[in-house]
């Protein structure tokens, strides 16, 4: 497998977020890419209703993380910085 450029990596992650964004927006929420660390951890921020939703952790793991890992298998983890 070839080396993925930073621009390519960010584009793939944003594409994955764009796939799930309509579902978040339907519930008055959204998501923003904050950072991709050197050790391939994606940091995102849930916004709007998603930031305080009681099922946001499930959304992160089964929705957001899976979509990003499908687009970029090298990603190790996706974390939400909203509650940090």
PDB file of N, CA and C in Angstrom:
ATOM      1  N   UNK A   1       0.833  -1.170   0.000  1.00  0.00           N
ATOM      2  CA  UNK A   1       0.000   0.000   0.000  1.00  0.00           C
ATOM      3  C   UNK A   1       0.882   1.238   0.000  1.00  0.00           C
ATOM      4  N   UNK A   2       0.504   2.248  -0.767  1.00  0.00           N
ATOM      5  CA  UNK A   2       1.296   3.469  -0.853  1.00  0.00           C
ATOM      6  C   UNK A   2       1.096   4.354   0.359  1.00  0.00           C
ATOM      7  N   UNK A   3       1.957   5.325   0.454  1.00  0.00           N
ATOM      8  CA  UNK A   3       1.865   6.284   1.555  1.00  0.00           C
ATOM      9  C   UNK A   3       0.732   7.263   1.265  1.00  0.00           C
ATOM     10  N   UNK A   4      -0.100   7.500   2.255  1.00  0.00           N
ATOM     11  CA  UNK A   4      -1.211   8.439   2.119  1.00  0.00           C
ATOM     12  C   UNK A   4      -0.723   9.816   2.533  1.00  0.00           C
ATOM     13  N   UNK A   5      -0.956  10.809   1.691  1.00  0.00           N
ATOM     14  CA  UNK A   5      -0.568  12.167   2.044  1.00  0.00           C
ATOM     15  C   UNK A   5      -1.540  12.724   3.068  1.00  0.00           C
ATOM     16  N   UNK A   6      -1.104  13.759   3.785  1.00  0.00           N
ATOM     17  CA  UNK A   6      -1.972  14.387   4.777  1.00  0.00           C
ATOM     18  C   UNK A   6      -3.252  14.892   4.133  1.00  0.00           C
ATOM     19  N   UNK A   7      -3.130  15.494   2.967  1.00  0.00           N
ATOM     20  CA  UNK A   7      -4.304  16.037   2.274  1.00  0.00           C
ATOM     21  C   UNK A   7      -5.271  14.911   1.901  1.00  0.00           C
ATOM     22  N   UNK A   8      -4.714  13.809   1.411  1.00  0.00           N
ATOM     23  CA  UNK A   8      -5.529  12.641   1.043  1.00  0.00           C
ATOM     24  C   UNK A   8      -6.235  12.066   2.268  1.00  0.00           C
ATOM     25  N   UNK A   9      -5.493  11.950   3.354  1.00  0.00           N
ATOM     26  CA  UNK A   9      -6.032  11.415   4.603  1.00  0.00           C
ATOM     27  C   UNK A   9      -7.192  12.279   5.090  1.00  0.00           C
ATOM     28  N   UNK A  10      -6.976  13.582   5.157  1.00  0.00           N
ATOM     29  CA  UNK A  10      -8.021  14.489   5.619  1.00  0.00           C
ATOM     30  C   UNK A  10      -9.232  14.449   4.706  1.00  0.00           C
ATOM     31  N   UNK A  11      -8.995  14.353   3.413  1.00  0.00           N
ATOM     32  CA  UNK A  11     -10.089  14.292   2.445  1.00  0.00           C
ATOM     33  C   UNK A  11     -10.935  13.038   2.651  1.00  0.00           C
ATOM     34  N   UNK A  12     -10.287  11.914   2.891  1.00  0.00           N
ATOM     35  CA  UNK A  12     -11.011  10.660   3.117  1.00  0.00           C
ATOM     36  C   UNK A  12     -11.811  10.715   4.415  1.00  0.00           C
ATOM     37  N   UNK A  13     -11.232  11.285   5.450  1.00  0.00           N
ATOM     38  CA  UNK A  13     -11.933  11.392   6.730  1.00  0.00           C
ATOM     39  C   UNK A  13     -13.122  12.334   6.594  1.00  0.00           C
ATOM     40  N   UNK A  14     -12.925  13.484   5.947  1.00  0.00           N
ATOM     41  CA  UNK A  14     -14.031  14.424   5.741  1.00  0.00           C
ATOM     42  C   UNK A  14     -15.137  13.776   4.913  1.00  0.00           C
ATOM     43  N   UNK A  15     -14.755  12.963   3.929  1.00  0.00           N
ATOM     44  CA  UNK A  15     -15.738  12.247   3.118  1.00  0.00           C
ATOM     45  C   UNK A  15     -16.570  11.298   3.963  1.00  0.00           C
ATOM     46  N   UNK A  16     -15.908  10.592   4.894  1.00  0.00           N
ATOM     47  CA  UNK A  16     -16.623   9.682   5.795  1.00  0.00           C
ATOM     48  C   UNK A  16     -17.573  10.466   6.698  1.00  0.00           C
ATOM     49  N   UNK A  17     -17.119  11.615   7.189  1.00  0.00           N
ATOM     50  CA  UNK A  17     -17.981  12.443   8.037  1.00  0.00           C
ATOM     51  C   UNK A  17     -19.167  12.976   7.247  1.00  0.00           C
ATOM     52  N   UNK A  18     -18.932  13.312   5.980  1.00  0.00           N
ATOM     53  CA  UNK A  18     -20.027  13.794   5.130  1.00  0.00           C
ATOM     54  C   UNK A  18     -21.095  12.725   4.920  1.00  0.00           C
ATOM     55  N   UNK A  19     -20.687  11.448   4.936  1.00  0.00           N
ATOM     56  CA  UNK A  19     -21.645  10.341   4.785  1.00  0.00           C
ATOM     57  C   UNK A  19     -22.610  10.264   5.969  1.00  0.00           C
ATOM     58  N   UNK A  20     -22.088  10.512   7.165  1.00  0.00           N
ATOM     59  CA  UNK A  20     -22.932  10.370   8.353  1.00  0.00           C
ATOM     60  C   UNK A  20     -23.553  11.687   8.820  1.00  0.00           C
ATOM     61  N   UNK A  21     -23.042  12.787   8.310  1.00  0.00           N
ATOM     62  CA  UNK A  21     -23.527  14.108   8.737  1.00  0.00           C
ATOM     63  C   UNK A  21     -25.042  14.275   8.602  1.00  0.00           C
ATOM     64  N   UNK A  22     -25.677  13.815   7.504  1.00  0.00           N
ATOM     65  CA  UNK A  22     -27.134  13.981   7.406  1.00  0.00           C
ATOM     66  C   UNK A  22     -27.903  13.335   8.560  1.00  0.00           C
ATOM     67  N   UNK A  23     -27.407  12.217   9.074  1.00  0.00           N
ATOM     68  CA  UNK A  23     -28.068  11.548  10.196  1.00  0.00           C
ATOM     69  C   UNK A  23     -27.943  12.389  11.469  1.00  0.00           C
ATOM     70  N   UNK A  24     -26.778  12.995  11.654  1.00  0.00           N
ATOM     71  CA  UNK A  24     -26.576  13.852  12.815  1.00  0.00           C
ATOM     72  C   UNK A  24     -27.422  15.117  12.708  1.00  0.00           C
ATOM     73  N   UNK A  25     -27.451  15.688  11.497  1.00  0.00           N
ATOM     74  CA  UNK A  25     -28.231  16.911  11.279  1.00  0.00           C
ATOM     75  C   UNK A  25     -29.725  16.664  11.464  1.00  0.00           C
ATOM     76  N   UNK A  26     -30.184  15.464  11.145  1.00  0.00           N
ATOM     77  CA  UNK A  26     -31.598  15.130  11.326  1.00  0.00           C
ATOM     78  C   UNK A  26     -31.998  15.203  12.795  1.00  0.00           C
ATOM     79  N   UNK A  27     -31.014  15.022  13.671  1.00  0.00           N
ATOM     80  CA  UNK A  27     -31.255  15.109  15.112  1.00  0.00           C
ATOM     81  C   UNK A  27     -30.736  16.424  15.694  1.00  0.00           C
ATOM     82  N   UNK A  28     -30.605  17.445  14.832  1.00  0.00           N
ATOM     83  CA  UNK A  28     -30.160  18.783  15.256  1.00  0.00           C
ATOM     84  C   UNK A  28     -28.715  18.809  15.738  1.00  0.00           C
ATOM     85  N   UNK A  29     -27.871  17.939  15.188  1.00  0.00           N
ATOM     86  CA  UNK A  29     -26.469  17.903  15.589  1.00  0.00           C
ATOM     87  C   UNK A  29     -25.545  18.017  14.394  1.00  0.00           C
ATOM     88  N   UNK A  30     -24.263  17.933  14.658  1.00  0.00           N
ATOM     89  CA  UNK A  30     -23.250  17.961  13.611  1.00  0.00           C
ATOM     90  C   UNK A  30     -21.952  17.442  14.212  1.00  0.00           C
ATOM     91  N   UNK A  31     -20.917  17.378  13.383  1.00  0.00           N
ATOM     92  CA  UNK A  31     -19.614  16.894  13.826  1.00  0.00           C
ATOM     93  C   UNK A  31     -18.543  17.677  13.092  1.00  0.00           C
ATOM     94  N   UNK A  32     -17.444  17.912  13.781  1.00  0.00           N
ATOM     95  CA  UNK A  32     -16.336  18.665  13.192  1.00  0.00           C
ATOM     96  C   UNK A  32     -15.039  17.904  13.425  1.00  0.00           C
ATOM     97  N   UNK A  33     -14.232  17.761  12.375  1.00  0.00           N
ATOM     98  CA  UNK A  33     -12.913  17.153  12.495  1.00  0.00           C
ATOM     99  C   UNK A  33     -11.985  18.158  13.162  1.00  0.00           C
ATOM    100  N   UNK A  34     -11.338  17.753  14.241  1.00  0.00           N
ATOM    101  CA  UNK A  34     -10.441  18.639  14.974  1.00  0.00           C
ATOM    102  C   UNK A  34      -8.986  18.334  14.635  1.00  0.00           C
ATOM    103  N   UNK A  35      -8.615  17.052  14.687  1.00  0.00           N
ATOM    104  CA  UNK A  35      -7.207  16.705  14.526  1.00  0.00           C
ATOM    105  C   UNK A  35      -7.055  15.230  14.191  1.00  0.00           C
ATOM    106  N   UNK A  36      -5.980  14.914  13.474  1.00  0.00           N
ATOM    107  CA  UNK A  36      -5.544  13.535  13.306  1.00  0.00           C
ATOM    108  C   UNK A  36      -4.138  13.492  13.876  1.00  0.00           C
ATOM    109  N   UNK A  37      -3.952  12.710  14.924  1.00  0.00           N
ATOM    110  CA  UNK A  37      -2.650  12.665  15.583  1.00  0.00           C
ATOM    111  C   UNK A  37      -1.659  11.823  14.775  1.00  0.00           C
ATOM    112  N   UNK A  38      -0.387  11.942  15.135  1.00  0.00           N
ATOM    113  CA  UNK A  38       0.656  11.170  14.465  1.00  0.00           C
ATOM    114  C   UNK A  38       0.469   9.669  14.634  1.00  0.00           C
ATOM    115  N   UNK A  39      -0.185   9.260  15.728  1.00  0.00           N
ATOM    116  CA  UNK A  39      -0.418   7.831  15.938  1.00  0.00           C
ATOM    117  C   UNK A  39      -1.800   7.390  15.444  1.00  0.00           C
ATOM    118  N   UNK A  40      -2.346   8.178  14.485  1.00  0.00           N
ATOM    119  CA  UNK A  40      -3.567   7.821  13.751  1.00  0.00           C
ATOM    120  C   UNK A  40      -4.819   7.734  14.625  1.00  0.00           C
ATOM    121  N   UNK A  41      -4.943   8.678  15.533  1.00  0.00           N
ATOM    122  CA  UNK A  41      -6.158   8.834  16.319  1.00  0.00           C
ATOM    123  C   UNK A  41      -6.861  10.087  15.794  1.00  0.00           C
ATOM    124  N   UNK A  42      -8.129   9.934  15.460  1.00  0.00           N
ATOM    125  CA  UNK A  42      -8.919  11.055  14.947  1.00  0.00           C
ATOM    126  C   UNK A  42      -9.672  11.688  16.113  1.00  0.00           C
ATOM    127  N   UNK A  43      -9.532  13.010  16.227  1.00  0.00           N
ATOM    128  CA  UNK A  43     -10.265  13.748  17.265  1.00  0.00           C
ATOM    129  C   UNK A  43     -11.353  14.562  16.571  1.00  0.00           C
ATOM    130  N   UNK A  44     -12.569  14.378  17.050  1.00  0.00           N
ATOM    131  CA  UNK A  44     -13.714  15.100  16.493  1.00  0.00           C
ATOM    132  C   UNK A  44     -14.457  15.786  17.637  1.00  0.00           C
ATOM    133  N   UNK A  45     -15.306  16.717  17.259  1.00  0.00           N
ATOM    134  CA  UNK A  45     -16.147  17.393  18.243  1.00  0.00           C
ATOM    135  C   UNK A  45     -17.588  17.275  17.792  1.00  0.00           C
ATOM    136  N   UNK A  46     -18.414  16.655  18.640  1.00  0.00           N
ATOM    137  CA  UNK A  46     -19.844  16.599  18.384  1.00  0.00           C
ATOM    138  C   UNK A  46     -20.434  17.955  18.742  1.00  0.00           C
ATOM    139  N   UNK A  47     -21.347  18.431  17.909  1.00  0.00           N
ATOM    140  CA  UNK A  47     -21.904  19.761  18.117  1.00  0.00           C
ATOM    141  C   UNK A  47     -23.427  19.711  18.134  1.00  0.00           C
ATOM    142  N   UNK A  48     -24.030  20.796  18.567  1.00  0.00           N
ATOM    143  CA  UNK A  48     -25.481  20.875  18.625  1.00  0.00           C
ATOM    144  C   UNK A  48     -26.040  19.851  19.583  1.00  0.00           C
ATOM    145  N   UNK A  49     -27.161  19.270  19.216  1.00  0.00           N
ATOM    146  CA  UNK A  49     -27.822  18.287  20.080  1.00  0.00           C
ATOM    147  C   UNK A  49     -26.941  17.069  20.340  1.00  0.00           C
ATOM    148  N   UNK A  50     -26.044  16.766  19.415  1.00  0.00           N
ATOM    149  CA  UNK A  50     -25.181  15.588  19.580  1.00  0.00           C
ATOM    150  C   UNK A  50     -24.219  15.729  20.756  1.00  0.00           C
ATOM    151  N   UNK A  51     -23.867  16.959  21.106  1.00  0.00           N
ATOM    152  CA  UNK A  51     -22.897  17.157  22.186  1.00  0.00           C
ATOM    153  C   UNK A  51     -23.447  16.758  23.546  1.00  0.00           C
ATOM    154  N   UNK A  52     -24.771  16.759  23.696  1.00  0.00           N
ATOM    155  CA  UNK A  52     -25.353  16.409  24.990  1.00  0.00           C
ATOM    156  C   UNK A  52     -26.260  15.183  24.931  1.00  0.00           C
ATOM    157  N   UNK A  53     -26.271  14.512  23.802  1.00  0.00           N
ATOM    158  CA  UNK A  53     -27.143  13.350  23.630  1.00  0.00           C
ATOM    159  C   UNK A  53     -26.652  12.178  24.476  1.00  0.00           C
ATOM    160  N   UNK A  54     -27.591  11.469  25.098  1.00  0.00           N
ATOM    161  CA  UNK A  54     -27.211  10.354  25.961  1.00  0.00           C
ATOM    162  C   UNK A  54     -26.761   9.116  25.186  1.00  0.00           C
ATOM    163  N   UNK A  55     -26.912   9.084  23.882  1.00  0.00           N
ATOM    164  CA  UNK A  55     -26.408   7.956  23.088  1.00  0.00           C
ATOM    165  C   UNK A  55     -25.239   8.384  22.197  1.00  0.00           C
ATOM    166  N   UNK A  56     -24.610   9.496  22.523  1.00  0.00           N
ATOM    167  CA  UNK A  56     -23.525   9.994  21.681  1.00  0.00           C
ATOM    168  C   UNK A  56     -22.332   9.039  21.621  1.00  0.00           C
ATOM    169  N   UNK A  57     -22.043   8.311  22.708  1.00  0.00           N
ATOM    170  CA  UNK A  57     -20.933   7.364  22.684  1.00  0.00           C
ATOM    171  C   UNK A  57     -21.227   6.225  21.715  1.00  0.00           C
ATOM    172  N   UNK A  58     -22.464   5.766  21.679  1.00  0.00           N
ATOM    173  CA  UNK A  58     -22.843   4.727  20.734  1.00  0.00           C
ATOM    174  C   UNK A  58     -22.728   5.261  19.299  1.00  0.00           C
ATOM    175  N   UNK A  59     -23.159   6.487  19.096  1.00  0.00           N
ATOM    176  CA  UNK A  59     -23.040   7.124  17.780  1.00  0.00           C
ATOM    177  C   UNK A  59     -21.582   7.188  17.368  1.00  0.00           C
ATOM    178  N   UNK A  60     -20.704   7.551  18.290  1.00  0.00           N
ATOM    179  CA  UNK A  60     -19.271   7.653  17.990  1.00  0.00           C
ATOM    180  C   UNK A  60     -18.697   6.313  17.554  1.00  0.00           C
ATOM    181  N   UNK A  61     -18.972   5.265  18.314  1.00  0.00           N
ATOM    182  CA  UNK A  61     -18.350   3.964  18.040  1.00  0.00           C
ATOM    183  C   UNK A  61     -18.990   3.241  16.859  1.00  0.00           C
ATOM    184  N   UNK A  62     -20.314   3.193  16.815  1.00  0.00           N
ATOM    185  CA  UNK A  62     -20.959   2.404  15.770  1.00  0.00           C
ATOM    186  C   UNK A  62     -21.195   3.196  14.488  1.00  0.00           C
ATOM    187  N   UNK A  63     -21.190   4.499  14.571  1.00  0.00           N
ATOM    188  CA  UNK A  63     -21.426   5.311  13.378  1.00  0.00           C
ATOM    189  C   UNK A  63     -20.171   5.988  12.880  1.00  0.00           C
ATOM    190  N   UNK A  64     -19.696   6.937  13.645  1.00  0.00           N
ATOM    191  CA  UNK A  64     -18.572   7.773  13.223  1.00  0.00           C
ATOM    192  C   UNK A  64     -17.287   6.958  13.058  1.00  0.00           C
ATOM    193  N   UNK A  65     -16.907   6.226  14.095  1.00  0.00           N
ATOM    194  CA  UNK A  65     -15.650   5.477  14.039  1.00  0.00           C
ATOM    195  C   UNK A  65     -15.665   4.446  12.905  1.00  0.00           C
ATOM    196  N   UNK A  66     -16.753   3.730  12.754  1.00  0.00           N
ATOM    197  CA  UNK A  66     -16.827   2.717  11.700  1.00  0.00           C
ATOM    198  C   UNK A  66     -16.747   3.344  10.306  1.00  0.00           C
ATOM    199  N   UNK A  67     -17.416   4.470  10.109  1.00  0.00           N
ATOM    200  CA  UNK A  67     -17.370   5.148   8.800  1.00  0.00           C
ATOM    201  C   UNK A  67     -15.955   5.606   8.483  1.00  0.00           C
ATOM    202  N   UNK A  68     -15.271   6.162   9.476  1.00  0.00           N
ATOM    203  CA  UNK A  68     -13.902   6.647   9.251  1.00  0.00           C
ATOM    204  C   UNK A  68     -12.950   5.481   9.010  1.00  0.00           C
ATOM    205  N   UNK A  69     -13.086   4.408   9.780  1.00  0.00           N
ATOM    206  CA  UNK A  69     -12.208   3.246   9.600  1.00  0.00           C
ATOM    207  C   UNK A  69     -12.440   2.554   8.254  1.00  0.00           C
ATOM    208  N   UNK A  70     -13.673   2.611   7.741  1.00  0.00           N
ATOM    209  CA  UNK A  70     -13.921   2.053   6.398  1.00  0.00           C
ATOM    210  C   UNK A  70     -13.178   2.876   5.354  1.00  0.00           C
ATOM    211  N   UNK A  71     -13.163   4.186   5.534  1.00  0.00           N
ATOM    212  CA  UNK A  71     -12.509   5.076   4.575  1.00  0.00           C
ATOM    213  C   UNK A  71     -10.991   5.048   4.719  1.00  0.00           C
ATOM    214  N   UNK A  72     -10.513   4.928   5.954  1.00  0.00           N
ATOM    215  CA  UNK A  72      -9.070   4.930   6.237  1.00  0.00           C
ATOM    216  C   UNK A  72      -8.782   3.847   7.278  1.00  0.00           C
ATOM    217  N   UNK A  73      -8.525   2.621   6.819  1.00  0.00           N
ATOM    218  CA  UNK A  73      -8.320   1.501   7.742  1.00  0.00           C
ATOM    219  C   UNK A  73      -7.158   1.698   8.722  1.00  0.00           C
ATOM    220  N   UNK A  74      -6.227   2.585   8.403  1.00  0.00           N
ATOM    221  CA  UNK A  74      -5.071   2.819   9.275  1.00  0.00           C
ATOM    222  C   UNK A  74      -5.442   3.550  10.571  1.00  0.00           C
ATOM    223  N   UNK A  75      -6.629   4.137  10.612  1.00  0.00           N
ATOM    224  CA  UNK A  75      -7.057   4.861  11.807  1.00  0.00           C
ATOM    225  C   UNK A  75      -7.245   3.875  12.953  1.00  0.00           C
ATOM    226  N   UNK A  76      -6.663   4.192  14.103  1.00  0.00           N
ATOM    227  CA  UNK A  76      -6.737   3.298  15.262  1.00  0.00           C
ATOM    228  C   UNK A  76      -7.968   3.560  16.119  1.00  0.00           C
ATOM    229  N   UNK A  77      -8.336   4.838  16.248  1.00  0.00           N
ATOM    230  CA  UNK A  77      -9.422   5.179  17.163  1.00  0.00           C
ATOM    231  C   UNK A  77      -9.983   6.547  16.777  1.00  0.00           C
ATOM    232  N   UNK A  78     -11.245   6.767  17.109  1.00  0.00           N
ATOM    233  CA  UNK A  78     -11.884   8.068  16.939  1.00  0.00           C
ATOM    234  C   UNK A  78     -12.395   8.480  18.320  1.00  0.00           C
ATOM    235  N   UNK A  79     -11.985   9.680  18.756  1.00  0.00           N
ATOM    236  CA  UNK A  79     -12.442  10.143  20.063  1.00  0.00           C
ATOM    237  C   UNK A  79     -13.145  11.489  19.931  1.00  0.00           C
ATOM    238  N   UNK A  80     -14.110  11.674  20.808  1.00  0.00           N
ATOM    239  CA  UNK A  80     -14.876  12.906  20.861  1.00  0.00           C
ATOM    240  C   UNK A  80     -14.280  13.800  21.933  1.00  0.00           C
ATOM    241  N   UNK A  81     -13.834  14.992  21.544  1.00  0.00           N
ATOM    242  CA  UNK A  81     -13.230  15.898  22.520  1.00  0.00           C
ATOM    243  C   UNK A  81     -14.271  16.765  23.232  1.00  0.00           C
ATOM    244  N   UNK A  82     -15.538  16.627  22.860  1.00  0.00           N
ATOM    245  CA  UNK A  82     -16.595  17.436  23.452  1.00  0.00           C
ATOM    246  C   UNK A  82     -16.614  17.325  24.961  1.00  0.00           C
ATOM    247  N   UNK A  83     -16.435  16.117  25.468  1.00  0.00           N
ATOM    248  CA  UNK A  83     -16.545  15.890  26.905  1.00  0.00           C
ATOM    249  C   UNK A  83     -15.194  15.889  27.616  1.00  0.00           C
ATOM    250  N   UNK A  84     -14.134  16.166  26.896  1.00  0.00           N
ATOM    251  CA  UNK A  84     -12.800  16.168  27.544  1.00  0.00           C
ATOM    252  C   UNK A  84     -12.544  17.471  28.247  1.00  0.00           C
TER     253      UNK A  84
END
